[in-house]
Protein backbone atom coordinates (compact mmCIF):
# COMPACT_ATOMS: atom_id res chain seq x y z
CA MET A 1 -34.18 50.23 85.90
CA SER A 2 -37.35 52.24 85.52
CA SER A 3 -40.62 50.76 84.40
CA THR A 4 -41.39 50.83 80.70
CA VAL A 5 -45.02 51.65 81.49
CA PRO A 6 -45.66 55.24 80.38
CA LYS A 7 -46.68 57.81 82.99
CA SER A 8 -49.66 58.72 80.82
CA SER A 9 -52.46 56.27 80.15
CA ASN A 10 -53.10 57.97 76.80
CA ILE A 11 -50.08 56.51 75.01
CA PHE A 12 -50.64 53.64 72.59
CA TRP A 13 -48.19 51.57 70.53
CA HIS A 14 -48.55 52.20 66.80
CA ASP A 15 -47.72 49.21 64.60
CA CYS A 16 -46.35 49.91 61.14
CA PRO A 17 -46.90 47.62 58.13
CA VAL A 18 -43.16 47.06 57.66
CA GLY A 19 -41.97 44.94 60.56
CA LYS A 20 -38.77 43.54 61.98
CA THR A 21 -38.82 40.46 59.75
CA ASP A 22 -39.32 42.62 56.65
CA ARG A 23 -36.29 44.73 57.55
CA GLN A 24 -34.16 41.67 58.30
CA ASN A 25 -35.12 40.12 54.96
CA LEU A 26 -34.22 43.35 53.15
CA LEU A 27 -30.83 43.56 54.88
CA LYS A 28 -30.23 39.80 54.70
CA GLN A 29 -29.19 39.76 58.33
CA LYS A 30 -30.77 39.30 61.73
CA GLY A 31 -30.72 42.29 64.05
CA CYS A 32 -29.15 41.73 67.45
CA VAL A 33 -27.32 43.45 70.27
CA VAL A 34 -23.72 42.60 71.13
CA TRP A 35 -23.26 44.09 74.61
CA ILE A 36 -19.59 44.54 75.53
CA THR A 37 -18.97 45.19 79.21
CA GLY A 38 -15.87 45.46 81.38
CA LEU A 39 -13.77 47.84 83.41
CA SER A 40 -12.66 51.23 82.14
CA GLY A 41 -9.60 50.68 79.97
CA SER A 42 -10.36 47.00 79.31
CA GLY A 43 -10.62 47.54 75.55
CA LYS A 44 -14.40 47.67 75.09
CA SER A 45 -14.41 50.54 72.60
CA THR A 46 -11.48 49.08 70.68
CA LEU A 47 -13.21 45.70 70.39
CA ALA A 48 -16.54 47.33 69.47
CA CYS A 49 -14.99 49.40 66.67
CA THR A 50 -12.96 46.45 65.39
CA LEU A 51 -16.08 44.26 65.33
CA GLY A 52 -18.03 47.03 63.60
CA ARG A 53 -15.33 47.37 60.93
CA GLU A 54 -15.17 43.60 60.39
CA LEU A 55 -18.95 43.32 60.02
CA HIS A 56 -18.90 46.23 57.55
CA THR A 57 -16.16 44.50 55.56
CA ARG A 58 -18.40 41.42 55.38
CA GLY A 59 -21.32 43.47 54.10
CA LYS A 60 -23.26 43.57 57.37
CA LEU A 61 -24.89 46.72 58.71
CA ALA A 62 -23.77 47.45 62.27
CA TYR A 63 -23.68 50.46 64.55
CA VAL A 64 -21.54 51.06 67.64
CA LEU A 65 -23.10 52.68 70.70
CA ASP A 66 -20.18 53.80 72.87
CA GLY A 67 -20.55 54.91 76.49
CA ASP A 68 -18.52 58.10 76.23
CA ASN A 69 -20.09 59.07 72.91
CA LEU A 70 -23.65 58.76 74.22
CA ARG A 71 -22.75 60.85 77.27
CA HIS A 72 -21.97 63.70 74.86
CA GLY A 73 -25.58 63.72 73.64
CA LEU A 74 -28.43 61.43 74.65
CA ASN A 75 -27.14 60.95 78.19
CA LYS A 76 -25.33 64.24 78.80
CA ASP A 77 -27.77 65.07 81.59
CA LEU A 78 -26.64 62.06 83.65
CA GLY A 79 -23.86 61.79 86.20
CA PHE A 80 -22.23 58.71 87.68
CA ALA A 81 -24.29 58.07 90.81
CA ALA A 82 -25.85 54.59 90.92
CA GLU A 83 -29.27 55.84 89.78
CA ASP A 84 -27.72 57.81 86.89
CA ARG A 85 -25.68 54.79 85.80
CA ALA A 86 -28.87 52.71 85.82
CA GLU A 87 -30.75 55.33 83.76
CA ASN A 88 -27.81 55.55 81.33
CA ILE A 89 -28.00 51.81 80.69
CA ARG A 90 -31.82 51.82 80.54
CA ARG A 91 -31.74 54.44 77.77
CA VAL A 92 -29.00 52.63 75.90
CA GLY A 93 -30.93 49.37 76.15
CA GLU A 94 -33.99 51.00 74.57
CA VAL A 95 -31.91 52.50 71.73
CA ALA A 96 -30.09 49.19 71.18
CA LYS A 97 -33.44 47.41 70.94
CA LEU A 98 -34.59 49.89 68.27
CA PHE A 99 -31.43 49.26 66.24
CA ALA A 100 -31.87 45.48 66.55
CA ASP A 101 -35.53 45.79 65.54
CA ALA A 102 -34.35 47.79 62.51
CA GLY A 103 -32.24 44.78 61.51
CA LEU A 104 -28.85 46.17 62.51
CA VAL A 105 -26.16 44.52 64.58
CA CYS A 106 -25.97 46.97 67.47
CA ILE A 107 -22.63 46.85 69.27
CA ALA A 108 -23.04 48.44 72.70
CA SER A 109 -19.83 49.24 74.56
CA PHE A 110 -20.48 50.22 78.19
CA ILE A 111 -18.94 49.62 81.60
CA SER A 112 -22.47 48.69 82.76
CA PRO A 113 -21.38 47.50 86.22
CA TYR A 114 -24.76 46.30 87.47
CA ARG A 115 -26.00 42.87 86.38
CA ARG A 116 -29.64 43.85 86.97
CA ASP A 117 -29.32 46.67 84.41
CA ARG A 118 -27.79 44.37 81.78
CA GLU A 119 -30.48 41.77 82.48
CA SER A 120 -33.17 44.42 81.97
CA CYS A 121 -31.62 45.23 78.59
CA ARG A 122 -31.49 41.54 77.72
CA ALA A 123 -35.20 41.23 78.60
CA LEU A 124 -36.05 43.90 76.00
CA LEU A 125 -34.99 41.46 73.29
CA SER A 126 -37.37 38.61 73.93
CA ASP A 127 -36.10 36.46 71.08
CA GLY A 128 -32.63 35.92 72.57
CA SER A 129 -30.87 38.44 70.32
CA PHE A 130 -28.72 39.80 73.17
CA ILE A 131 -25.12 38.63 73.26
CA GLU A 132 -23.15 39.73 76.32
CA VAL A 133 -19.36 39.88 76.14
CA PHE A 134 -17.42 40.53 79.34
CA LEU A 135 -13.83 41.66 78.82
CA ASN A 136 -12.22 39.99 81.80
CA MET A 137 -9.17 42.21 82.18
CA SER A 138 -7.54 42.59 85.57
CA LEU A 139 -7.84 45.88 87.42
CA GLU A 140 -4.05 46.06 87.41
CA LEU A 141 -3.87 45.81 83.61
CA CYS A 142 -6.68 48.34 83.12
CA GLU A 143 -4.98 50.72 85.53
CA ALA A 144 -1.65 50.28 83.75
CA ARG A 145 -3.30 51.06 80.41
CA ASP A 146 -5.44 53.94 81.82
CA PRO A 147 -6.05 55.60 78.41
CA LYS A 148 -8.23 58.35 79.91
CA GLY A 149 -6.20 58.88 83.08
CA LEU A 150 -9.23 58.01 85.22
CA TYR A 151 -7.49 55.54 87.52
CA LYS A 152 -4.77 58.10 88.23
CA LEU A 153 -7.41 60.73 89.08
CA ALA A 154 -9.27 58.24 91.28
CA ARG A 155 -6.08 57.32 93.18
CA ALA A 156 -5.46 61.04 93.71
CA GLY A 157 -8.94 61.38 95.22
CA LYS A 158 -10.19 63.57 92.38
CA ILE A 159 -12.93 61.14 91.31
CA LYS A 160 -15.22 59.89 94.06
CA GLY A 161 -16.77 56.43 93.94
CA TYR A 162 -14.71 55.28 90.96
């Protein structure tokens, strides 16, 4: 992942009088990141949305960051080469941290194949508010489910490096 040191030396952090603890007290919940990772088709998005719905039902404020959804906007300029995947996760980690700092339960649902990228995201939340969930589904089961048809395209040679 890229350094968080700005390229300009003329950028300074601006502290606001309402802080993380104030927001958590207002919401009556502690902000955190639940990072759901696993193969394509393992059920990450389904679990994320189900968890988001359950938290809402219990009166907790949560927001789901889904890999495909963010690639429609924030990360639409990125491809799937290793460096683009790393940048995708770096950006998501920064957004997830902002949501957690705002007092929300941020549910991040991403393939995020590289441990170093997930560890960099974890390091952004110094107080241990990063919960990683790996959906340990077999490749065979994910390929059988194949909700997006990606495994079929990869087997046909239409997706490189999948």
